[in-house]
Amino acid sequence: MTPVFGIAGRSGSGKTTLIEAMLPLLGARGLRVSVIKHSHHDFEMEPPGKDSARFRTAGAQEVMIASPFRYAIVHELRDAPEPTLEAQLARLSPADLVLVEGFKQAAIPRIEVYRPAHGKPPLHTEDPTFLAVVTDAPLDIALPCLPLNEPAQVADFLCRTLGLA
């Protein structure tokens, strides 16, 4: 089974920036990495009025947009419940690692990106799935603390923890 690792934190903490910085580092180790990002908001992948959006609006359950460079599938849930993380993972192509941003309720190993200066409480104190905290300030906690501005150290931690290259 493909290892899955969560990157969690409050809005604006730097989760996306950290994942973005780690992707080329993990790729340089020969790892194929996929990312799932959860959003509580609705989103549009194509501009309104474009063919693919029109198909979706007209009632298509799924619309695939394909080019010589990439493809995307937009699946309309309509009145169906939101799929679980496990269901979303099953939709991905084979990979060596899946990083997950969000899905806070999923029982997966994760790290928290935490910036005390933002004035918001940490998440790791309430959830035993957190294995480390990535931060930009010294913290007096039992979990390992990794420097936010050193994505290579965070990538090393993930690989060691998951037994990857």
N, C-alpha and C. Protein backbone atom coordinates (compact mmCIF):
# COMPACT_ATOMS: atom_id res chain seq x y z
N MET A 1 0.83 -1.18 0.00
CA MET A 1 0.00 0.00 0.00
C MET A 1 0.88 1.25 0.00
N THR A 2 0.48 2.25 -0.73
CA THR A 2 1.23 3.50 -0.83
C THR A 2 1.20 4.24 0.51
N PRO A 3 2.36 4.68 1.01
CA PRO A 3 2.36 5.48 2.23
C PRO A 3 1.63 6.80 2.02
N VAL A 4 0.88 7.19 3.04
CA VAL A 4 0.11 8.44 3.03
C VAL A 4 0.56 9.24 4.24
N PHE A 5 0.84 10.53 4.02
CA PHE A 5 1.31 11.38 5.11
C PHE A 5 0.62 12.73 5.02
N GLY A 6 0.10 13.20 6.14
CA GLY A 6 -0.65 14.45 6.17
C GLY A 6 0.20 15.64 6.56
N ILE A 7 -0.13 16.76 5.95
CA ILE A 7 0.46 18.06 6.30
C ILE A 7 -0.72 18.92 6.74
N ALA A 8 -0.77 19.24 8.03
CA ALA A 8 -1.92 19.97 8.58
C ALA A 8 -1.44 21.27 9.20
N GLY A 9 -2.38 22.15 9.43
CA GLY A 9 -2.08 23.43 10.06
C GLY A 9 -3.21 24.40 9.80
N ARG A 10 -3.19 25.47 10.52
CA ARG A 10 -4.21 26.51 10.36
C ARG A 10 -4.02 27.21 9.02
N SER A 11 -5.05 27.88 8.57
CA SER A 11 -4.99 28.63 7.32
C SER A 11 -3.87 29.66 7.39
N GLY A 12 -3.09 29.74 6.33
CA GLY A 12 -2.01 30.72 6.26
C GLY A 12 -0.73 30.30 6.96
N SER A 13 -0.66 29.07 7.44
CA SER A 13 0.54 28.64 8.19
C SER A 13 1.71 28.28 7.28
N GLY A 14 1.44 27.96 6.02
CA GLY A 14 2.52 27.61 5.10
C GLY A 14 2.50 26.17 4.63
N LYS A 15 1.37 25.49 4.78
CA LYS A 15 1.28 24.08 4.37
C LYS A 15 1.57 23.90 2.89
N THR A 16 0.89 24.67 2.07
CA THR A 16 1.05 24.54 0.62
C THR A 16 2.48 24.87 0.20
N THR A 17 3.04 25.92 0.77
CA THR A 17 4.41 26.33 0.44
C THR A 17 5.40 25.23 0.83
N LEU A 18 5.18 24.59 1.98
CA LEU A 18 6.07 23.50 2.40
C LEU A 18 5.97 22.32 1.45
N ILE A 19 4.75 21.92 1.10
CA ILE A 19 4.58 20.80 0.17
C ILE A 19 5.24 21.14 -1.16
N GLU A 20 5.01 22.34 -1.65
CA GLU A 20 5.59 22.78 -2.92
C GLU A 20 7.12 22.70 -2.88
N ALA A 21 7.72 23.07 -1.75
CA ALA A 21 9.18 23.03 -1.62
C ALA A 21 9.70 21.60 -1.50
N MET A 22 8.91 20.71 -0.91
CA MET A 22 9.37 19.32 -0.73
C MET A 22 9.23 18.48 -1.99
N LEU A 23 8.29 18.80 -2.86
CA LEU A 23 8.05 17.96 -4.04
C LEU A 23 9.30 17.74 -4.89
N PRO A 24 10.06 18.78 -5.26
CA PRO A 24 11.27 18.51 -6.05
C PRO A 24 12.33 17.74 -5.26
N LEU A 25 12.38 17.94 -3.95
CA LEU A 25 13.35 17.21 -3.12
C LEU A 25 13.01 15.72 -3.07
N LEU A 26 11.75 15.41 -2.93
CA LEU A 26 11.32 14.01 -2.92
C LEU A 26 11.47 13.40 -4.30
N GLY A 27 11.18 14.17 -5.34
CA GLY A 27 11.36 13.70 -6.71
C GLY A 27 12.82 13.40 -7.00
N ALA A 28 13.73 14.20 -6.45
CA ALA A 28 15.16 13.97 -6.66
C ALA A 28 15.63 12.66 -6.02
N ARG A 29 14.86 12.14 -5.07
CA ARG A 29 15.15 10.84 -4.46
C ARG A 29 14.57 9.70 -5.29
N GLY A 30 13.94 10.04 -6.40
CA GLY A 30 13.34 9.03 -7.26
C GLY A 30 11.93 8.64 -6.86
N LEU A 31 11.31 9.42 -5.99
CA LEU A 31 9.96 9.11 -5.53
C LEU A 31 8.92 9.76 -6.43
N ARG A 32 7.89 8.99 -6.76
CA ARG A 32 6.72 9.54 -7.46
C ARG A 32 5.74 9.95 -6.36
N VAL A 33 5.46 11.24 -6.29
CA VAL A 33 4.64 11.77 -5.21
C VAL A 33 3.36 12.36 -5.77
N SER A 34 2.25 11.98 -5.17
CA SER A 34 0.96 12.58 -5.48
C SER A 34 0.52 13.43 -4.29
N VAL A 35 -0.36 14.38 -4.54
CA VAL A 35 -0.88 15.26 -3.49
C VAL A 35 -2.39 15.30 -3.58
N ILE A 36 -3.03 15.19 -2.45
CA ILE A 36 -4.48 15.43 -2.34
C ILE A 36 -4.66 16.63 -1.44
N LYS A 37 -5.37 17.62 -1.93
CA LYS A 37 -5.68 18.82 -1.14
C LYS A 37 -7.18 18.86 -0.92
N HIS A 38 -7.58 18.94 0.33
CA HIS A 38 -8.99 19.05 0.66
C HIS A 38 -9.36 20.52 0.80
N SER A 39 -10.52 20.87 0.31
CA SER A 39 -11.03 22.23 0.46
C SER A 39 -12.45 22.17 1.01
N HIS A 40 -12.74 23.07 1.90
CA HIS A 40 -14.11 23.17 2.42
C HIS A 40 -14.97 24.02 1.50
N HIS A 41 -14.35 24.64 0.52
CA HIS A 41 -15.05 25.55 -0.38
C HIS A 41 -15.31 24.86 -1.71
N ASP A 42 -16.29 25.35 -2.44
CA ASP A 42 -16.53 24.89 -3.80
C ASP A 42 -15.36 25.40 -4.65
N PHE A 43 -15.09 24.73 -5.74
CA PHE A 43 -14.03 25.20 -6.63
C PHE A 43 -14.42 24.93 -8.07
N GLU A 44 -13.85 25.70 -8.94
CA GLU A 44 -14.05 25.54 -10.39
C GLU A 44 -12.68 25.30 -11.00
N MET A 45 -12.56 24.28 -11.83
CA MET A 45 -11.29 24.01 -12.49
C MET A 45 -11.22 24.61 -13.88
N GLU A 46 -12.37 25.00 -14.40
CA GLU A 46 -12.38 25.57 -15.74
C GLU A 46 -13.25 26.82 -15.72
N PRO A 47 -12.94 27.80 -16.55
CA PRO A 47 -13.73 29.03 -16.56
C PRO A 47 -15.17 28.77 -16.99
N PRO A 48 -16.13 29.44 -16.36
CA PRO A 48 -17.52 29.30 -16.79
C PRO A 48 -17.66 29.63 -18.27
N GLY A 49 -18.49 28.88 -18.94
CA GLY A 49 -18.72 29.12 -20.37
C GLY A 49 -17.84 28.28 -21.28
N LYS A 50 -16.73 27.74 -20.76
CA LYS A 50 -15.90 26.85 -21.57
C LYS A 50 -16.62 25.52 -21.76
N ASP A 51 -16.24 24.79 -22.80
CA ASP A 51 -16.94 23.56 -23.15
C ASP A 51 -17.08 22.61 -21.96
N SER A 52 -15.97 22.37 -21.25
CA SER A 52 -16.01 21.40 -20.16
C SER A 52 -16.96 21.86 -19.05
N ALA A 53 -16.98 23.13 -18.75
CA ALA A 53 -17.91 23.65 -17.74
C ALA A 53 -19.35 23.53 -18.23
N ARG A 54 -19.55 23.75 -19.49
CA ARG A 54 -20.90 23.63 -20.04
C ARG A 54 -21.40 22.19 -19.96
N PHE A 55 -20.53 21.21 -20.23
CA PHE A 55 -20.93 19.81 -20.12
C PHE A 55 -21.35 19.47 -18.68
N ARG A 56 -20.55 19.95 -17.74
CA ARG A 56 -20.82 19.70 -16.33
C ARG A 56 -22.15 20.34 -15.92
N THR A 57 -22.34 21.58 -16.32
CA THR A 57 -23.57 22.30 -16.00
C THR A 57 -24.79 21.62 -16.63
N ALA A 58 -24.60 21.04 -17.80
CA ALA A 58 -25.71 20.37 -18.50
C ALA A 58 -26.05 19.01 -17.89
N GLY A 59 -25.22 18.51 -16.96
CA GLY A 59 -25.58 17.28 -16.27
C GLY A 59 -24.59 16.15 -16.35
N ALA A 60 -23.45 16.34 -16.99
CA ALA A 60 -22.46 15.26 -17.05
C ALA A 60 -22.00 14.92 -15.63
N GLN A 61 -21.91 13.63 -15.33
CA GLN A 61 -21.42 13.20 -14.02
C GLN A 61 -19.92 13.47 -13.89
N GLU A 62 -19.18 13.16 -14.97
CA GLU A 62 -17.75 13.44 -15.00
C GLU A 62 -17.40 14.07 -16.33
N VAL A 63 -16.44 14.97 -16.28
CA VAL A 63 -15.90 15.57 -17.49
C VAL A 63 -14.38 15.42 -17.42
N MET A 64 -13.80 14.84 -18.46
CA MET A 64 -12.35 14.75 -18.54
C MET A 64 -11.87 15.81 -19.52
N ILE A 65 -10.88 16.56 -19.09
CA ILE A 65 -10.21 17.53 -19.94
C ILE A 65 -8.85 16.93 -20.23
N ALA A 66 -8.53 16.72 -21.50
CA ALA A 66 -7.28 16.05 -21.86
C ALA A 66 -6.54 16.85 -22.91
N SER A 67 -5.22 16.86 -22.77
CA SER A 67 -4.35 17.51 -23.75
C SER A 67 -3.09 16.66 -23.87
N PRO A 68 -2.19 17.01 -24.77
CA PRO A 68 -0.93 16.27 -24.85
C PRO A 68 -0.05 16.43 -23.60
N PHE A 69 -0.42 17.33 -22.69
CA PHE A 69 0.43 17.65 -21.54
C PHE A 69 -0.10 17.15 -20.20
N ARG A 70 -1.41 17.03 -20.07
CA ARG A 70 -2.01 16.60 -18.80
C ARG A 70 -3.48 16.32 -19.01
N TYR A 71 -4.09 15.74 -17.99
CA TYR A 71 -5.54 15.58 -18.01
C TYR A 71 -6.08 15.79 -16.60
N ALA A 72 -7.34 16.12 -16.54
CA ALA A 72 -8.03 16.29 -15.26
C ALA A 72 -9.43 15.74 -15.41
N ILE A 73 -9.91 15.14 -14.35
CA ILE A 73 -11.29 14.65 -14.31
C ILE A 73 -12.03 15.44 -13.24
N VAL A 74 -13.13 16.04 -13.63
CA VAL A 74 -13.99 16.74 -12.68
C VAL A 74 -15.23 15.87 -12.49
N HIS A 75 -15.44 15.44 -11.26
CA HIS A 75 -16.56 14.57 -10.92
C HIS A 75 -17.53 15.37 -10.06
N GLU A 76 -18.76 15.46 -10.49
CA GLU A 76 -19.79 16.18 -9.75
C GLU A 76 -20.40 15.28 -8.69
N LEU A 77 -20.40 15.72 -7.45
CA LEU A 77 -21.01 14.94 -6.38
C LEU A 77 -22.52 15.13 -6.33
N ARG A 78 -22.97 16.28 -6.80
CA ARG A 78 -24.39 16.63 -6.74
C ARG A 78 -24.89 16.42 -5.31
N ASP A 79 -25.79 15.48 -5.07
CA ASP A 79 -26.32 15.27 -3.72
C ASP A 79 -25.64 14.12 -2.98
N ALA A 80 -24.62 13.53 -3.57
CA ALA A 80 -23.92 12.42 -2.93
C ALA A 80 -23.04 12.95 -1.80
N PRO A 81 -22.80 12.14 -0.78
CA PRO A 81 -21.91 12.59 0.30
C PRO A 81 -20.47 12.73 -0.20
N GLU A 82 -19.72 13.57 0.49
CA GLU A 82 -18.32 13.75 0.13
C GLU A 82 -17.57 12.43 0.35
N PRO A 83 -16.78 12.00 -0.63
CA PRO A 83 -16.02 10.75 -0.47
C PRO A 83 -14.98 10.88 0.64
N THR A 84 -14.69 9.76 1.28
CA THR A 84 -13.67 9.71 2.31
C THR A 84 -12.28 9.85 1.68
N LEU A 85 -11.30 10.08 2.52
CA LEU A 85 -9.93 10.11 2.02
C LEU A 85 -9.57 8.78 1.38
N GLU A 86 -9.98 7.68 1.97
CA GLU A 86 -9.68 6.36 1.41
C GLU A 86 -10.24 6.23 0.00
N ALA A 87 -11.46 6.70 -0.21
CA ALA A 87 -12.07 6.64 -1.54
C ALA A 87 -11.30 7.52 -2.52
N GLN A 88 -10.84 8.68 -2.07
CA GLN A 88 -10.08 9.57 -2.95
C GLN A 88 -8.72 8.95 -3.29
N LEU A 89 -8.08 8.32 -2.31
CA LEU A 89 -6.79 7.67 -2.56
C LEU A 89 -6.92 6.58 -3.62
N ALA A 90 -8.03 5.87 -3.61
CA ALA A 90 -8.24 4.78 -4.58
C ALA A 90 -8.34 5.31 -6.01
N ARG A 91 -8.62 6.59 -6.18
CA ARG A 91 -8.75 7.17 -7.51
C ARG A 91 -7.40 7.58 -8.11
N LEU A 92 -6.37 7.64 -7.29
CA LEU A 92 -5.07 8.10 -7.77
C LEU A 92 -4.32 7.01 -8.52
N SER A 93 -3.46 7.44 -9.43
CA SER A 93 -2.55 6.53 -10.11
C SER A 93 -1.51 6.04 -9.10
N PRO A 94 -0.83 4.93 -9.39
CA PRO A 94 0.20 4.44 -8.47
C PRO A 94 1.27 5.50 -8.20
N ALA A 95 1.70 5.56 -6.95
CA ALA A 95 2.74 6.51 -6.53
C ALA A 95 3.54 5.86 -5.41
N ASP A 96 4.66 6.47 -5.07
CA ASP A 96 5.48 6.00 -3.96
C ASP A 96 5.07 6.64 -2.63
N LEU A 97 4.40 7.79 -2.72
CA LEU A 97 4.00 8.55 -1.54
C LEU A 97 2.85 9.46 -1.93
N VAL A 98 1.89 9.59 -1.03
CA VAL A 98 0.81 10.57 -1.20
C VAL A 98 0.86 11.52 -0.02
N LEU A 99 1.01 12.81 -0.32
CA LEU A 99 0.92 13.85 0.70
C LEU A 99 -0.50 14.37 0.70
N VAL A 100 -1.04 14.58 1.89
CA VAL A 100 -2.43 15.02 2.04
C VAL A 100 -2.45 16.33 2.80
N GLU A 101 -3.02 17.35 2.18
CA GLU A 101 -3.24 18.62 2.86
C GLU A 101 -4.71 18.71 3.19
N GLY A 102 -5.02 18.78 4.47
CA GLY A 102 -6.41 18.78 4.90
C GLY A 102 -6.84 17.41 5.36
N PHE A 103 -8.12 17.11 5.21
CA PHE A 103 -8.69 15.85 5.72
C PHE A 103 -8.29 15.66 7.18
N LYS A 104 -8.54 16.68 8.00
CA LYS A 104 -8.11 16.67 9.39
C LYS A 104 -8.68 15.51 10.20
N GLN A 105 -9.82 14.97 9.78
CA GLN A 105 -10.45 13.88 10.54
C GLN A 105 -9.86 12.51 10.21
N ALA A 106 -9.08 12.42 9.14
CA ALA A 106 -8.52 11.12 8.72
C ALA A 106 -7.43 10.68 9.71
N ALA A 107 -7.43 9.41 10.03
CA ALA A 107 -6.44 8.86 10.96
C ALA A 107 -5.19 8.44 10.19
N ILE A 108 -4.40 9.44 9.80
CA ILE A 108 -3.15 9.20 9.08
C ILE A 108 -2.02 9.89 9.83
N PRO A 109 -0.79 9.40 9.69
CA PRO A 109 0.32 10.12 10.32
C PRO A 109 0.45 11.49 9.67
N ARG A 110 0.80 12.48 10.48
CA ARG A 110 0.88 13.84 9.94
C ARG A 110 1.84 14.70 10.74
N ILE A 111 2.20 15.80 10.11
CA ILE A 111 2.96 16.84 10.79
C ILE A 111 2.10 18.10 10.79
N GLU A 112 2.35 18.96 11.76
CA GLU A 112 1.65 20.24 11.80
C GLU A 112 2.61 21.35 11.41
N VAL A 113 2.17 22.22 10.53
CA VAL A 113 2.88 23.46 10.25
C VAL A 113 2.28 24.49 11.20
N TYR A 114 3.10 24.97 12.13
CA TYR A 114 2.59 25.84 13.20
C TYR A 114 3.47 27.07 13.33
N ARG A 115 2.82 28.24 13.31
CA ARG A 115 3.52 29.51 13.47
C ARG A 115 2.92 30.24 14.67
N PRO A 116 3.60 30.19 15.80
CA PRO A 116 3.06 30.81 17.02
C PRO A 116 2.70 32.29 16.84
N ALA A 117 3.44 33.01 16.01
CA ALA A 117 3.19 34.44 15.82
C ALA A 117 1.81 34.72 15.22
N HIS A 118 1.19 33.72 14.61
CA HIS A 118 -0.15 33.92 14.04
C HIS A 118 -1.22 33.99 15.13
N GLY A 119 -0.86 33.60 16.36
CA GLY A 119 -1.78 33.74 17.48
C GLY A 119 -2.91 32.72 17.53
N LYS A 120 -2.80 31.66 16.76
CA LYS A 120 -3.84 30.62 16.76
C LYS A 120 -3.32 29.41 17.52
N PRO A 121 -4.20 28.68 18.19
CA PRO A 121 -3.73 27.52 18.96
C PRO A 121 -3.24 26.40 18.05
N PRO A 122 -2.29 25.62 18.53
CA PRO A 122 -1.79 24.49 17.73
C PRO A 122 -2.83 23.38 17.64
N LEU A 123 -2.67 22.53 16.64
CA LEU A 123 -3.55 21.38 16.46
C LEU A 123 -2.98 20.13 17.12
N HIS A 124 -1.65 20.03 17.21
CA HIS A 124 -1.01 18.79 17.64
C HIS A 124 -1.35 18.39 19.08
N THR A 125 -1.78 19.34 19.90
CA THR A 125 -2.08 19.01 21.29
C THR A 125 -3.36 18.21 21.44
N GLU A 126 -4.20 18.21 20.41
CA GLU A 126 -5.50 17.54 20.47
C GLU A 126 -5.55 16.24 19.67
N ASP A 127 -4.46 15.88 18.99
CA ASP A 127 -4.54 14.79 18.01
C ASP A 127 -3.28 13.93 18.06
N PRO A 128 -3.40 12.65 18.41
CA PRO A 128 -2.23 11.79 18.53
C PRO A 128 -1.62 11.37 17.19
N THR A 129 -2.24 11.73 16.06
CA THR A 129 -1.67 11.36 14.76
C THR A 129 -0.50 12.26 14.37
N PHE A 130 -0.29 13.37 15.10
CA PHE A 130 0.83 14.25 14.78
C PHE A 130 2.13 13.64 15.28
N LEU A 131 3.11 13.57 14.37
CA LEU A 131 4.41 12.98 14.70
C LEU A 131 5.50 14.02 14.88
N ALA A 132 5.26 15.24 14.40
CA ALA A 132 6.25 16.32 14.51
C ALA A 132 5.55 17.64 14.23
N VAL A 133 6.24 18.72 14.57
CA VAL A 133 5.75 20.06 14.29
C VAL A 133 6.81 20.79 13.47
N VAL A 134 6.37 21.38 12.39
CA VAL A 134 7.24 22.20 11.54
C VAL A 134 6.93 23.65 11.91
N THR A 135 7.95 24.38 12.35
CA THR A 135 7.69 25.70 12.92
C THR A 135 8.80 26.69 12.60
N ASP A 136 8.49 27.96 12.82
CA ASP A 136 9.47 29.02 12.61
C ASP A 136 9.90 29.64 13.94
N ALA A 137 9.59 28.97 15.05
CA ALA A 137 9.94 29.49 16.37
C ALA A 137 10.25 28.32 17.31
N PRO A 138 11.08 28.55 18.31
CA PRO A 138 11.37 27.48 19.28
C PRO A 138 10.11 27.11 20.06
N LEU A 139 9.90 25.82 20.26
CA LEU A 139 8.76 25.33 21.03
C LEU A 139 9.25 24.37 22.10
N ASP A 140 8.63 24.40 23.25
CA ASP A 140 8.96 23.47 24.33
C ASP A 140 7.87 22.39 24.36
N ILE A 141 8.01 21.40 23.47
CA ILE A 141 7.02 20.33 23.36
C ILE A 141 7.75 18.99 23.24
N ALA A 142 7.00 17.91 23.44
CA ALA A 142 7.59 16.57 23.39
C ALA A 142 7.84 16.10 21.96
N LEU A 143 7.05 16.59 21.00
CA LEU A 143 7.22 16.16 19.61
C LEU A 143 8.48 16.75 19.00
N PRO A 144 9.07 16.08 18.02
CA PRO A 144 10.19 16.68 17.29
C PRO A 144 9.73 17.97 16.61
N CYS A 145 10.61 18.97 16.63
CA CYS A 145 10.35 20.24 15.94
C CYS A 145 11.31 20.33 14.76
N LEU A 146 10.76 20.65 13.61
CA LEU A 146 11.55 20.78 12.39
C LEU A 146 11.45 22.22 11.90
N PRO A 147 12.54 22.75 11.32
CA PRO A 147 12.52 24.15 10.88
C PRO A 147 11.68 24.35 9.61
N LEU A 148 10.76 25.29 9.67
CA LEU A 148 9.87 25.57 8.56
C LEU A 148 10.63 25.95 7.29
N ASN A 149 11.72 26.66 7.45
CA ASN A 149 12.47 27.15 6.29
C ASN A 149 13.53 26.16 5.80
N GLU A 150 13.45 24.92 6.26
CA GLU A 150 14.38 23.87 5.82
C GLU A 150 13.58 22.67 5.31
N PRO A 151 12.96 22.80 4.14
CA PRO A 151 12.13 21.70 3.63
C PRO A 151 12.89 20.39 3.45
N ALA A 152 14.20 20.45 3.24
CA ALA A 152 14.98 19.22 3.09
C ALA A 152 14.96 18.41 4.39
N GLN A 153 15.01 19.09 5.53
CA GLN A 153 14.95 18.39 6.81
C GLN A 153 13.57 17.75 7.02
N VAL A 154 12.54 18.45 6.58
CA VAL A 154 11.18 17.90 6.70
C VAL A 154 11.04 16.68 5.78
N ALA A 155 11.55 16.79 4.56
CA ALA A 155 11.51 15.66 3.62
C ALA A 155 12.29 14.47 4.18
N ASP A 156 13.46 14.73 4.78
CA ASP A 156 14.24 13.66 5.41
C ASP A 156 13.43 12.97 6.51
N PHE A 157 12.75 13.78 7.33
CA PHE A 157 11.93 13.22 8.41
C PHE A 157 10.83 12.32 7.85
N LEU A 158 10.14 12.80 6.81
CA LEU A 158 9.07 12.00 6.20
C LEU A 158 9.63 10.68 5.68
N CYS A 159 10.74 10.74 4.97
CA CYS A 159 11.31 9.53 4.38
C CYS A 159 11.78 8.55 5.45
N ARG A 160 12.42 9.06 6.50
CA ARG A 160 12.85 8.18 7.60
C ARG A 160 11.64 7.54 8.28
N THR A 161 10.64 8.36 8.55
CA THR A 161 9.44 7.87 9.25
C THR A 161 8.72 6.80 8.45
N LEU A 162 8.67 6.98 7.13
CA LEU A 162 7.92 6.06 6.27
C LEU A 162 8.79 4.94 5.68
N GLY A 163 10.09 4.97 5.95
CA GLY A 163 10.99 3.95 5.41
C GLY A 163 11.18 4.06 3.91
N LEU A 164 11.20 5.29 3.40
CA LEU A 164 11.39 5.53 1.96
C LEU A 164 12.84 5.91 1.68
N ALA A 165 13.19 5.96 0.41
CA ALA A 165 14.57 6.26 -0.03
C ALA A 165 15.12 7.50 0.62
